[in-house]
Amino acid sequence: MIVVDLGCFPHLGEISIEPLVARFRPDVLYGFDPWPALVEGETRLGGTRVVLERKAAWIAEGEIEFARVRGLRSWDSTVMREKDSRGEWSSRSEVVVVPSFDFSSWLRTLPERPIVKMDIEGAEFPILERMVEDGTDLLVANLLVEFHDENLAALAERRLSLTARLRCPVSPWGERKTSLGTTIRGLWTARRAVGARRASEGSRS
């Protein structure tokens, strides 16, 4: 089984990799997030191979601007210009350029239909609309998504249209209840695991 975690970086009490592994016990989990502190690399969590990449899921390959919100609401960080209800672009963020990848095209490279979790601060709208248009929504076994349409009438209308057209099973994503201590321990474990792997590779070269 394959699980794809879009928006995998743990911000304060929000964590997703461990709950996804515990829930589905996949053979491999691919995690993507543009947050600069994400530790890229490969490690293992129980019997699951975990592969992490620091890039934004999007509708095109290349680079995209990312409003990086600092402080307690860092999870509001987004690539979506329309999402500014909490001042993501206008007041509280540092805008940086991050790598992006075409999620629809990437889905076509997988050997089986994955479970996809999306918590990507508004970018779910253009990505899912593209998937409906090109048929890659049919390549998803189950979609777990948090829609970010609060206080934004235009996005609320897009959500209604999307949910009516999506042809894969759709469920809400709501795995949020993890302590800050658990998040820090998980980050530290991942850093040590990836660091040990790189050190081992360096000693063999």
N, C-alpha and C. Protein backbone atom coordinates (compact mmCIF):
# COMPACT_ATOMS: atom_id res chain seq x y z
N MET A 1 0.84 -1.20 0.00
CA MET A 1 0.00 0.00 0.00
C MET A 1 0.87 1.25 0.00
N ILE A 2 0.42 2.28 -0.70
CA ILE A 2 1.12 3.56 -0.76
C ILE A 2 0.23 4.64 -0.14
N VAL A 3 0.83 5.47 0.71
CA VAL A 3 0.16 6.65 1.26
C VAL A 3 0.97 7.87 0.84
N VAL A 4 0.28 8.92 0.43
CA VAL A 4 0.91 10.18 0.06
C VAL A 4 0.43 11.25 1.02
N ASP A 5 1.37 11.94 1.66
CA ASP A 5 1.05 12.96 2.66
C ASP A 5 1.47 14.32 2.11
N LEU A 6 0.50 15.10 1.63
CA LEU A 6 0.76 16.45 1.14
C LEU A 6 0.50 17.43 2.26
N GLY A 7 1.55 18.10 2.71
CA GLY A 7 1.48 18.95 3.88
C GLY A 7 1.90 18.16 5.10
N CYS A 8 3.11 17.59 5.05
CA CYS A 8 3.52 16.62 6.08
C CYS A 8 4.31 17.23 7.22
N PHE A 9 4.73 18.51 7.10
CA PHE A 9 5.57 19.07 8.16
C PHE A 9 4.77 19.27 9.43
N PRO A 10 5.29 18.85 10.59
CA PRO A 10 4.54 18.99 11.85
C PRO A 10 4.67 20.39 12.43
N HIS A 11 3.58 21.16 12.42
CA HIS A 11 3.57 22.50 13.00
C HIS A 11 2.93 22.42 14.37
N LEU A 12 3.73 22.68 15.41
CA LEU A 12 3.25 22.63 16.78
C LEU A 12 2.51 21.32 17.04
N GLY A 13 1.20 21.37 17.35
CA GLY A 13 0.48 20.15 17.70
C GLY A 13 -0.09 19.39 16.53
N GLU A 14 0.14 19.84 15.29
CA GLU A 14 -0.41 19.15 14.13
C GLU A 14 0.64 18.22 13.54
N ILE A 15 0.30 16.96 13.46
CA ILE A 15 1.24 15.98 12.94
C ILE A 15 0.44 14.97 12.12
N SER A 16 1.03 14.45 11.05
CA SER A 16 0.24 13.57 10.19
C SER A 16 0.93 12.26 9.83
N ILE A 17 2.25 12.25 9.74
CA ILE A 17 2.92 11.03 9.28
C ILE A 17 2.64 9.86 10.20
N GLU A 18 2.84 10.05 11.51
CA GLU A 18 2.64 8.95 12.45
C GLU A 18 1.19 8.45 12.46
N PRO A 19 0.18 9.35 12.49
CA PRO A 19 -1.20 8.84 12.44
C PRO A 19 -1.53 8.09 11.15
N LEU A 20 -0.99 8.56 10.03
CA LEU A 20 -1.24 7.87 8.76
C LEU A 20 -0.61 6.48 8.75
N VAL A 21 0.60 6.37 9.27
CA VAL A 21 1.26 5.06 9.32
C VAL A 21 0.50 4.13 10.26
N ALA A 22 0.10 4.64 11.43
CA ALA A 22 -0.62 3.81 12.39
C ALA A 22 -1.98 3.36 11.83
N ARG A 23 -2.62 4.22 11.08
CA ARG A 23 -3.96 3.92 10.57
C ARG A 23 -3.94 2.94 9.40
N PHE A 24 -2.98 3.13 8.46
CA PHE A 24 -3.01 2.35 7.23
C PHE A 24 -1.90 1.32 7.11
N ARG A 25 -0.83 1.46 7.88
CA ARG A 25 0.32 0.56 7.83
C ARG A 25 0.79 0.33 6.39
N PRO A 26 1.12 1.41 5.68
CA PRO A 26 1.52 1.26 4.27
C PRO A 26 2.92 0.71 4.13
N ASP A 27 3.23 0.20 2.95
CA ASP A 27 4.60 -0.21 2.65
C ASP A 27 5.50 1.01 2.52
N VAL A 28 4.95 2.09 1.92
CA VAL A 28 5.71 3.32 1.74
C VAL A 28 4.80 4.51 1.93
N LEU A 29 5.34 5.57 2.54
CA LEU A 29 4.66 6.85 2.66
C LEU A 29 5.55 7.91 2.03
N TYR A 30 4.99 8.65 1.06
CA TYR A 30 5.70 9.77 0.46
C TYR A 30 5.16 11.05 1.07
N GLY A 31 6.04 11.86 1.65
CA GLY A 31 5.63 13.10 2.27
C GLY A 31 6.22 14.31 1.55
N PHE A 32 5.39 15.31 1.31
CA PHE A 32 5.84 16.53 0.63
C PHE A 32 5.40 17.75 1.43
N ASP A 33 6.32 18.72 1.55
CA ASP A 33 5.98 19.98 2.22
C ASP A 33 7.08 20.99 1.87
N PRO A 34 6.70 22.24 1.53
CA PRO A 34 7.73 23.22 1.19
C PRO A 34 8.37 23.92 2.39
N TRP A 35 7.93 23.58 3.60
CA TRP A 35 8.47 24.27 4.77
C TRP A 35 9.99 24.09 4.85
N PRO A 36 10.76 25.17 4.99
CA PRO A 36 12.23 25.09 4.89
C PRO A 36 12.90 24.15 5.89
N ALA A 37 12.28 23.92 7.04
CA ALA A 37 12.91 23.07 8.05
C ALA A 37 12.66 21.59 7.84
N LEU A 38 11.88 21.21 6.83
CA LEU A 38 11.64 19.79 6.60
C LEU A 38 12.96 19.08 6.29
N VAL A 39 13.21 17.97 6.96
CA VAL A 39 14.42 17.18 6.72
C VAL A 39 14.14 16.21 5.59
N GLU A 40 14.75 16.45 4.43
CA GLU A 40 14.55 15.56 3.29
C GLU A 40 15.33 14.26 3.49
N GLY A 41 14.83 13.20 2.88
CA GLY A 41 15.55 11.94 2.93
C GLY A 41 14.60 10.78 3.12
N GLU A 42 15.19 9.65 3.46
CA GLU A 42 14.43 8.42 3.63
C GLU A 42 14.74 7.80 4.97
N THR A 43 13.71 7.32 5.64
CA THR A 43 13.87 6.66 6.92
C THR A 43 12.80 5.58 7.02
N ARG A 44 12.67 4.97 8.18
CA ARG A 44 11.64 3.96 8.40
C ARG A 44 10.89 4.27 9.67
N LEU A 45 9.60 4.01 9.64
CA LEU A 45 8.74 4.16 10.81
C LEU A 45 8.01 2.84 10.96
N GLY A 46 8.47 2.01 11.90
CA GLY A 46 7.95 0.65 11.99
C GLY A 46 8.30 -0.08 10.71
N GLY A 47 7.30 -0.68 10.08
CA GLY A 47 7.55 -1.39 8.83
C GLY A 47 7.35 -0.55 7.59
N THR A 48 7.19 0.77 7.76
CA THR A 48 6.91 1.66 6.62
C THR A 48 8.14 2.43 6.21
N ARG A 49 8.43 2.42 4.92
CA ARG A 49 9.47 3.27 4.34
C ARG A 49 8.89 4.66 4.18
N VAL A 50 9.56 5.67 4.72
CA VAL A 50 9.09 7.05 4.68
C VAL A 50 10.07 7.87 3.86
N VAL A 51 9.55 8.50 2.80
CA VAL A 51 10.37 9.31 1.89
C VAL A 51 9.85 10.73 1.93
N LEU A 52 10.71 11.68 2.32
CA LEU A 52 10.29 13.07 2.49
C LEU A 52 11.01 13.97 1.49
N GLU A 53 10.23 14.89 0.86
CA GLU A 53 10.80 15.85 -0.07
C GLU A 53 10.28 17.24 0.25
N ARG A 54 11.21 18.23 0.18
CA ARG A 54 10.88 19.62 0.50
C ARG A 54 10.45 20.33 -0.78
N LYS A 55 9.18 20.16 -1.14
CA LYS A 55 8.63 20.84 -2.31
C LYS A 55 7.12 20.93 -2.18
N ALA A 56 6.53 21.83 -2.95
CA ALA A 56 5.09 22.07 -2.88
C ALA A 56 4.38 21.29 -3.97
N ALA A 57 3.36 20.55 -3.59
CA ALA A 57 2.47 19.95 -4.59
C ALA A 57 1.74 21.07 -5.31
N TRP A 58 1.70 20.98 -6.66
CA TRP A 58 1.09 22.07 -7.42
C TRP A 58 0.61 21.51 -8.76
N ILE A 59 0.32 22.40 -9.70
CA ILE A 59 -0.19 21.98 -11.01
C ILE A 59 0.87 22.14 -12.09
N ALA A 60 2.11 22.44 -11.68
CA ALA A 60 3.19 22.61 -12.65
C ALA A 60 4.53 22.34 -11.99
N GLU A 61 5.49 21.89 -12.78
CA GLU A 61 6.87 21.73 -12.31
C GLU A 61 7.55 23.10 -12.31
N GLY A 62 8.41 23.34 -11.33
CA GLY A 62 9.16 24.58 -11.33
C GLY A 62 9.31 25.16 -9.94
N GLU A 63 8.97 26.43 -9.80
CA GLU A 63 9.05 27.12 -8.53
C GLU A 63 7.78 27.96 -8.32
N ILE A 64 7.50 28.25 -7.05
CA ILE A 64 6.30 29.02 -6.73
C ILE A 64 6.57 29.82 -5.46
N GLU A 65 5.92 30.98 -5.32
CA GLU A 65 6.05 31.77 -4.11
C GLU A 65 5.27 31.12 -2.98
N PHE A 66 5.83 31.18 -1.79
CA PHE A 66 5.27 30.54 -0.60
C PHE A 66 5.27 31.56 0.53
N ALA A 67 4.08 31.89 1.04
CA ALA A 67 3.96 32.81 2.17
C ALA A 67 4.21 32.03 3.44
N ARG A 68 5.39 32.22 3.99
CA ARG A 68 5.81 31.48 5.17
C ARG A 68 5.43 32.26 6.43
N VAL A 69 4.40 31.79 7.11
CA VAL A 69 3.90 32.47 8.31
C VAL A 69 4.69 31.98 9.52
N ARG A 70 5.23 32.91 10.27
CA ARG A 70 6.01 32.54 11.45
C ARG A 70 5.13 32.55 12.70
N GLY A 71 5.62 31.89 13.75
CA GLY A 71 4.93 31.94 15.02
C GLY A 71 3.91 30.83 15.20
N LEU A 72 2.94 31.07 16.07
CA LEU A 72 2.01 30.04 16.49
C LEU A 72 1.08 29.58 15.38
N ARG A 73 0.90 30.38 14.32
CA ARG A 73 0.01 29.99 13.24
C ARG A 73 0.81 29.66 11.98
N SER A 74 1.95 29.03 12.16
CA SER A 74 2.81 28.71 11.01
C SER A 74 2.12 27.77 10.03
N TRP A 75 1.11 27.02 10.51
CA TRP A 75 0.40 26.10 9.60
C TRP A 75 -0.45 26.84 8.58
N ASP A 76 -0.63 28.16 8.74
CA ASP A 76 -1.36 28.93 7.75
C ASP A 76 -0.54 29.21 6.49
N SER A 77 0.75 28.89 6.49
CA SER A 77 1.62 29.17 5.35
C SER A 77 1.04 28.55 4.08
N THR A 78 1.17 29.25 2.95
CA THR A 78 0.43 28.83 1.77
C THR A 78 1.08 29.32 0.48
N VAL A 79 0.78 28.65 -0.61
CA VAL A 79 1.16 29.12 -1.94
C VAL A 79 -0.02 29.80 -2.63
N MET A 80 -1.18 29.80 -2.01
CA MET A 80 -2.41 30.32 -2.61
C MET A 80 -2.58 31.80 -2.31
N ARG A 81 -2.50 32.64 -3.34
CA ARG A 81 -2.69 34.08 -3.17
C ARG A 81 -4.08 34.41 -2.66
N GLU A 82 -5.08 33.59 -3.05
CA GLU A 82 -6.46 33.86 -2.63
C GLU A 82 -6.65 33.68 -1.13
N LYS A 83 -5.75 32.96 -0.48
CA LYS A 83 -5.89 32.66 0.94
C LYS A 83 -5.14 33.72 1.75
N ASP A 84 -5.86 34.77 2.13
CA ASP A 84 -5.25 35.86 2.90
C ASP A 84 -6.19 36.30 4.01
N SER A 85 -7.10 35.41 4.42
CA SER A 85 -8.10 35.78 5.42
C SER A 85 -7.48 36.05 6.78
N ARG A 86 -6.28 35.52 7.04
CA ARG A 86 -5.57 35.78 8.29
C ARG A 86 -4.29 36.57 8.04
N GLY A 87 -4.22 37.24 6.90
CA GLY A 87 -3.05 38.07 6.61
C GLY A 87 -1.83 37.28 6.18
N GLU A 88 -2.06 36.10 5.59
CA GLU A 88 -0.92 35.26 5.21
C GLU A 88 0.03 35.99 4.26
N TRP A 89 -0.54 36.76 3.33
CA TRP A 89 0.29 37.49 2.36
C TRP A 89 0.47 38.95 2.73
N SER A 90 -0.50 39.52 3.41
CA SER A 90 -0.48 40.97 3.59
C SER A 90 0.24 41.46 4.83
N SER A 91 0.44 40.59 5.82
CA SER A 91 1.00 41.16 7.05
C SER A 91 1.95 40.25 7.83
N ARG A 92 1.72 38.95 7.84
CA ARG A 92 2.41 38.15 8.85
C ARG A 92 3.46 37.20 8.28
N SER A 93 3.80 37.32 7.01
CA SER A 93 4.62 36.26 6.44
C SER A 93 5.88 36.79 5.78
N GLU A 94 6.78 35.87 5.53
CA GLU A 94 7.95 36.10 4.71
C GLU A 94 7.72 35.32 3.42
N VAL A 95 7.78 35.98 2.28
CA VAL A 95 7.52 35.31 1.01
C VAL A 95 8.84 34.76 0.47
N VAL A 96 8.87 33.45 0.27
CA VAL A 96 10.05 32.79 -0.26
C VAL A 96 9.65 32.00 -1.51
N VAL A 97 10.63 31.66 -2.33
CA VAL A 97 10.39 30.86 -3.52
C VAL A 97 10.78 29.42 -3.22
N VAL A 98 9.88 28.48 -3.50
CA VAL A 98 10.12 27.07 -3.20
C VAL A 98 9.91 26.23 -4.46
N PRO A 99 10.52 25.04 -4.52
CA PRO A 99 10.27 24.16 -5.66
C PRO A 99 8.86 23.60 -5.63
N SER A 100 8.30 23.38 -6.81
CA SER A 100 6.97 22.78 -6.93
C SER A 100 7.01 21.62 -7.91
N PHE A 101 6.01 20.76 -7.82
CA PHE A 101 5.92 19.65 -8.78
C PHE A 101 4.47 19.43 -9.19
N ASP A 102 4.31 18.88 -10.37
CA ASP A 102 2.99 18.62 -10.94
C ASP A 102 2.44 17.34 -10.32
N PHE A 103 1.49 17.49 -9.39
CA PHE A 103 1.02 16.32 -8.64
C PHE A 103 0.30 15.33 -9.54
N SER A 104 -0.49 15.80 -10.48
CA SER A 104 -1.19 14.89 -11.39
C SER A 104 -0.21 14.02 -12.17
N SER A 105 0.82 14.65 -12.71
CA SER A 105 1.82 13.90 -13.46
C SER A 105 2.55 12.91 -12.57
N TRP A 106 2.87 13.32 -11.35
CA TRP A 106 3.57 12.42 -10.43
C TRP A 106 2.70 11.21 -10.07
N LEU A 107 1.40 11.43 -9.89
CA LEU A 107 0.50 10.32 -9.57
C LEU A 107 0.57 9.22 -10.62
N ARG A 108 0.72 9.62 -11.88
CA ARG A 108 0.75 8.63 -12.97
C ARG A 108 1.97 7.72 -12.90
N THR A 109 2.98 8.10 -12.14
CA THR A 109 4.20 7.28 -12.06
C THR A 109 4.10 6.17 -11.01
N LEU A 110 3.08 6.20 -10.17
CA LEU A 110 2.97 5.23 -9.08
C LEU A 110 2.47 3.88 -9.60
N PRO A 111 2.92 2.79 -8.98
CA PRO A 111 2.52 1.46 -9.46
C PRO A 111 1.13 1.04 -9.03
N GLU A 112 0.52 1.76 -8.10
CA GLU A 112 -0.82 1.41 -7.63
C GLU A 112 -1.53 2.67 -7.16
N ARG A 113 -2.84 2.57 -6.95
CA ARG A 113 -3.62 3.72 -6.48
C ARG A 113 -3.31 3.99 -5.02
N PRO A 114 -2.86 5.20 -4.67
CA PRO A 114 -2.51 5.50 -3.28
C PRO A 114 -3.68 6.08 -2.49
N ILE A 115 -3.51 6.09 -1.19
CA ILE A 115 -4.32 6.92 -0.31
C ILE A 115 -3.62 8.27 -0.24
N VAL A 116 -4.36 9.35 -0.49
CA VAL A 116 -3.76 10.69 -0.53
C VAL A 116 -4.37 11.55 0.57
N LYS A 117 -3.52 12.10 1.41
CA LYS A 117 -3.95 13.08 2.41
C LYS A 117 -3.51 14.46 1.95
N MET A 118 -4.43 15.42 1.94
CA MET A 118 -4.14 16.80 1.54
C MET A 118 -4.50 17.75 2.67
N ASP A 119 -3.50 18.45 3.17
CA ASP A 119 -3.72 19.56 4.10
C ASP A 119 -2.74 20.65 3.67
N ILE A 120 -3.09 21.36 2.59
CA ILE A 120 -2.13 22.21 1.90
C ILE A 120 -2.62 23.64 1.74
N GLU A 121 -3.43 24.08 2.68
CA GLU A 121 -3.75 25.50 2.85
C GLU A 121 -4.24 26.18 1.58
N GLY A 122 -5.23 25.58 0.95
CA GLY A 122 -5.88 26.19 -0.21
C GLY A 122 -5.42 25.64 -1.54
N ALA A 123 -4.20 25.10 -1.61
CA ALA A 123 -3.70 24.56 -2.88
C ALA A 123 -4.48 23.33 -3.32
N GLU A 124 -5.30 22.77 -2.41
CA GLU A 124 -6.13 21.63 -2.81
C GLU A 124 -7.08 21.99 -3.95
N PHE A 125 -7.48 23.26 -4.04
CA PHE A 125 -8.47 23.64 -5.07
C PHE A 125 -7.91 23.52 -6.48
N PRO A 126 -6.82 24.20 -6.83
CA PRO A 126 -6.31 24.03 -8.20
C PRO A 126 -5.83 22.61 -8.48
N ILE A 127 -5.25 21.94 -7.48
CA ILE A 127 -4.74 20.58 -7.71
C ILE A 127 -5.90 19.63 -8.00
N LEU A 128 -6.94 19.66 -7.18
CA LEU A 128 -8.07 18.74 -7.38
C LEU A 128 -8.85 19.09 -8.65
N GLU A 129 -8.95 20.38 -8.97
CA GLU A 129 -9.61 20.75 -10.21
C GLU A 129 -8.86 20.20 -11.41
N ARG A 130 -7.52 20.27 -11.38
CA ARG A 130 -6.72 19.69 -12.45
C ARG A 130 -6.92 18.18 -12.52
N MET A 131 -6.97 17.51 -11.36
CA MET A 131 -7.14 16.06 -11.33
C MET A 131 -8.47 15.65 -11.93
N VAL A 132 -9.52 16.42 -11.65
CA VAL A 132 -10.83 16.12 -12.25
C VAL A 132 -10.76 16.30 -13.76
N GLU A 133 -10.09 17.35 -14.21
CA GLU A 133 -9.99 17.63 -15.64
C GLU A 133 -9.22 16.55 -16.40
N ASP A 134 -8.11 16.07 -15.81
CA ASP A 134 -7.27 15.12 -16.55
C ASP A 134 -7.51 13.66 -16.17
N GLY A 135 -8.45 13.42 -15.24
CA GLY A 135 -8.81 12.05 -14.89
C GLY A 135 -7.96 11.39 -13.83
N THR A 136 -6.98 12.11 -13.27
CA THR A 136 -6.12 11.47 -12.28
C THR A 136 -6.79 11.31 -10.93
N ASP A 137 -7.98 11.92 -10.74
CA ASP A 137 -8.72 11.62 -9.50
C ASP A 137 -9.10 10.14 -9.45
N LEU A 138 -9.23 9.51 -10.60
CA LEU A 138 -9.54 8.08 -10.66
C LEU A 138 -8.35 7.21 -10.25
N LEU A 139 -7.16 7.82 -10.13
CA LEU A 139 -5.97 7.07 -9.72
C LEU A 139 -5.79 7.08 -8.20
N VAL A 140 -6.74 7.67 -7.47
CA VAL A 140 -6.64 7.78 -6.01
C VAL A 140 -7.61 6.80 -5.36
N ALA A 141 -7.08 5.96 -4.47
CA ALA A 141 -7.93 4.98 -3.78
C ALA A 141 -8.83 5.65 -2.75
N ASN A 142 -8.30 6.65 -2.06
CA ASN A 142 -9.08 7.37 -1.06
C ASN A 142 -8.42 8.73 -0.84
N LEU A 143 -9.21 9.78 -0.82
CA LEU A 143 -8.71 11.13 -0.61
C LEU A 143 -9.14 11.62 0.76
N LEU A 144 -8.17 11.96 1.59
CA LEU A 144 -8.41 12.56 2.89
C LEU A 144 -8.02 14.03 2.77
N VAL A 145 -8.96 14.94 2.89
CA VAL A 145 -8.66 16.33 2.58
C VAL A 145 -9.24 17.28 3.61
N GLU A 146 -8.47 18.32 3.92
CA GLU A 146 -9.00 19.44 4.70
C GLU A 146 -9.14 20.61 3.75
N PHE A 147 -10.38 21.04 3.51
CA PHE A 147 -10.62 22.18 2.64
C PHE A 147 -10.45 23.48 3.43
N HIS A 148 -9.79 24.44 2.81
CA HIS A 148 -9.51 25.72 3.45
C HIS A 148 -10.32 26.81 2.75
N ASP A 149 -11.62 26.81 3.02
CA ASP A 149 -12.51 27.77 2.37
C ASP A 149 -13.21 28.68 3.38
N GLU A 150 -12.74 28.67 4.63
CA GLU A 150 -13.39 29.49 5.64
C GLU A 150 -13.21 30.98 5.31
N ASN A 151 -14.28 31.73 5.45
CA ASN A 151 -14.30 33.19 5.23
C ASN A 151 -13.99 33.59 3.79
N LEU A 152 -14.04 32.65 2.85
CA LEU A 152 -13.73 32.95 1.47
C LEU A 152 -14.84 32.40 0.58
N ALA A 153 -15.78 33.25 0.20
CA ALA A 153 -16.96 32.80 -0.53
C ALA A 153 -16.60 32.13 -1.85
N ALA A 154 -15.61 32.68 -2.55
CA ALA A 154 -15.24 32.11 -3.85
C ALA A 154 -14.73 30.68 -3.69
N LEU A 155 -13.91 30.44 -2.66
CA LEU A 155 -13.40 29.09 -2.45
C LEU A 155 -14.50 28.15 -1.97
N ALA A 156 -15.46 28.67 -1.21
CA ALA A 156 -16.57 27.84 -0.76
C ALA A 156 -17.37 27.33 -1.97
N GLU A 157 -17.56 28.19 -2.96
CA GLU A 157 -18.27 27.79 -4.17
C GLU A 157 -17.46 26.75 -4.94
N ARG A 158 -16.15 26.92 -5.00
CA ARG A 158 -15.29 25.94 -5.68
C ARG A 158 -15.33 24.59 -4.96
N ARG A 159 -15.43 24.63 -3.63
CA ARG A 159 -15.51 23.38 -2.88
C ARG A 159 -16.78 22.60 -3.25
N LEU A 160 -17.92 23.29 -3.30
CA LEU A 160 -19.15 22.60 -3.66
C LEU A 160 -19.06 21.98 -5.04
N SER A 161 -18.49 22.70 -5.97
CA SER A 161 -18.34 22.17 -7.33
C SER A 161 -17.40 20.97 -7.35
N LEU A 162 -16.30 21.08 -6.61
CA LEU A 162 -15.32 19.99 -6.59
C LEU A 162 -15.91 18.71 -5.99
N THR A 163 -16.54 18.83 -4.85
CA THR A 163 -17.04 17.63 -4.18
C THR A 163 -18.11 16.93 -5.01
N ALA A 164 -18.80 17.68 -5.86
CA ALA A 164 -19.79 17.07 -6.74
C ALA A 164 -19.15 16.33 -7.91
N ARG A 165 -17.93 16.74 -8.29
CA ARG A 165 -17.31 16.18 -9.49
C ARG A 165 -16.23 15.13 -9.21
N LEU A 166 -15.68 15.11 -8.02
CA LEU A 166 -14.62 14.15 -7.72
C LEU A 166 -15.15 12.72 -7.81
N ARG A 167 -14.38 11.85 -8.45
CA ARG A 167 -14.81 10.47 -8.66
C ARG A 167 -14.09 9.46 -7.79
N CYS A 168 -13.27 9.94 -6.87
CA CYS A 168 -12.62 9.05 -5.90
C CYS A 168 -13.32 9.22 -4.55
N PRO A 169 -13.23 8.22 -3.67
CA PRO A 169 -13.80 8.37 -2.34
C PRO A 169 -13.15 9.54 -1.60
N VAL A 170 -13.95 10.36 -0.94
CA VAL A 170 -13.44 11.56 -0.26
C VAL A 170 -13.87 11.53 1.20
N SER A 171 -12.90 11.77 2.09
CA SER A 171 -13.19 11.85 3.52
C SER A 171 -12.50 13.08 4.09
N PRO A 172 -13.03 13.64 5.18
CA PRO A 172 -12.35 14.80 5.79
C PRO A 172 -11.09 14.36 6.51
N TRP A 173 -10.08 15.22 6.45
CA TRP A 173 -8.86 14.97 7.22
C TRP A 173 -8.94 15.80 8.50
N GLY A 174 -8.71 15.12 9.64
CA GLY A 174 -8.80 15.84 10.90
C GLY A 174 -7.90 15.32 11.98
N GLU A 175 -6.76 14.71 11.60
CA GLU A 175 -5.83 14.18 12.60
C GLU A 175 -4.98 15.33 13.12
N ARG A 176 -5.37 15.93 14.27
CA ARG A 176 -4.69 17.13 14.75
C ARG A 176 -4.23 17.02 16.21
N LYS A 177 -4.59 15.99 16.92
CA LYS A 177 -4.42 16.02 18.37
C LYS A 177 -3.13 15.31 18.78
N THR A 178 -2.04 16.05 18.71
CA THR A 178 -0.75 15.55 19.11
C THR A 178 -0.05 16.63 19.91
N SER A 179 0.64 16.22 20.97
CA SER A 179 1.29 17.21 21.82
C SER A 179 2.53 17.78 21.14
N LEU A 180 2.94 18.96 21.59
CA LEU A 180 4.15 19.57 21.07
C LEU A 180 5.36 18.69 21.36
N GLY A 181 5.37 18.05 22.53
CA GLY A 181 6.48 17.17 22.88
C GLY A 181 6.62 16.02 21.91
N THR A 182 5.49 15.42 21.53
CA THR A 182 5.52 14.32 20.57
C THR A 182 6.03 14.80 19.21
N THR A 183 5.61 15.99 18.81
CA THR A 183 6.07 16.55 17.54
C THR A 183 7.57 16.74 17.54
N ILE A 184 8.11 17.32 18.62
CA ILE A 184 9.55 17.56 18.71
C ILE A 184 10.31 16.24 18.71
N ARG A 185 9.83 15.25 19.47
CA ARG A 185 10.50 13.95 19.49
C ARG A 185 10.48 13.31 18.11
N GLY A 186 9.35 13.44 17.40
CA GLY A 186 9.27 12.86 16.07
C GLY A 186 10.23 13.52 15.10
N LEU A 187 10.34 14.84 15.17
CA LEU A 187 11.29 15.56 14.32
C LEU A 187 12.72 15.15 14.63
N TRP A 188 13.05 15.04 15.92
CA TRP A 188 14.40 14.69 16.32
C TRP A 188 14.75 13.27 15.86
N THR A 189 13.80 12.35 16.00
CA THR A 189 14.02 10.98 15.54
C THR A 189 14.28 10.94 14.04
N ALA A 190 13.47 11.70 13.28
CA ALA A 190 13.64 11.73 11.83
C ALA A 190 14.99 12.33 11.45
N ARG A 191 15.40 13.39 12.13
CA ARG A 191 16.69 14.01 11.83
C ARG A 191 17.83 13.02 12.09
N ARG A 192 17.79 12.31 13.22
CA ARG A 192 18.85 11.37 13.53
C ARG A 192 18.88 10.23 12.52
N ALA A 193 17.70 9.73 12.14
CA ALA A 193 17.65 8.61 11.20
C ALA A 193 18.21 8.99 9.84
N VAL A 194 17.80 10.15 9.33
CA VAL A 194 18.29 10.58 8.03
C VAL A 194 19.77 10.93 8.12
N GLY A 195 20.18 11.58 9.23
CA GLY A 195 21.59 11.91 9.40
C GLY A 195 22.47 10.67 9.46
N ALA A 196 21.99 9.62 10.16
CA ALA A 196 22.76 8.38 10.24
C ALA A 196 22.89 7.73 8.88
N ARG A 197 21.81 7.78 8.08
CA ARG A 197 21.87 7.18 6.76
C ARG A 197 22.88 7.92 5.89
N ARG A 198 22.87 9.27 5.95
CA ARG A 198 23.81 10.03 5.13
C ARG A 198 25.25 9.79 5.56
N ALA A 199 25.47 9.68 6.90
CA ALA A 199 26.81 9.41 7.39
C ALA A 199 27.30 8.07 6.91
N SER A 200 26.39 7.06 6.90
CA SER A 200 26.75 5.74 6.43
C SER A 200 27.11 5.76 4.95
N GLU A 201 26.32 6.51 4.17
CA GLU A 201 26.62 6.60 2.74
C GLU A 201 27.95 7.29 2.51
N GLY A 202 28.26 8.33 3.33
CA GLY A 202 29.51 9.03 3.17
C GLY A 202 30.71 8.18 3.48
N SER A 203 30.56 7.29 4.49
CA SER A 203 31.70 6.43 4.86
C SER A 203 31.98 5.39 3.81
N ARG A 204 30.95 5.05 2.97
CA ARG A 204 31.16 4.04 1.93
C ARG A 204 31.72 4.66 0.65
N SER A 205 31.62 6.01 0.52
CA SER A 205 32.07 6.64 -0.73
C SER A 205 33.58 6.92 -0.72
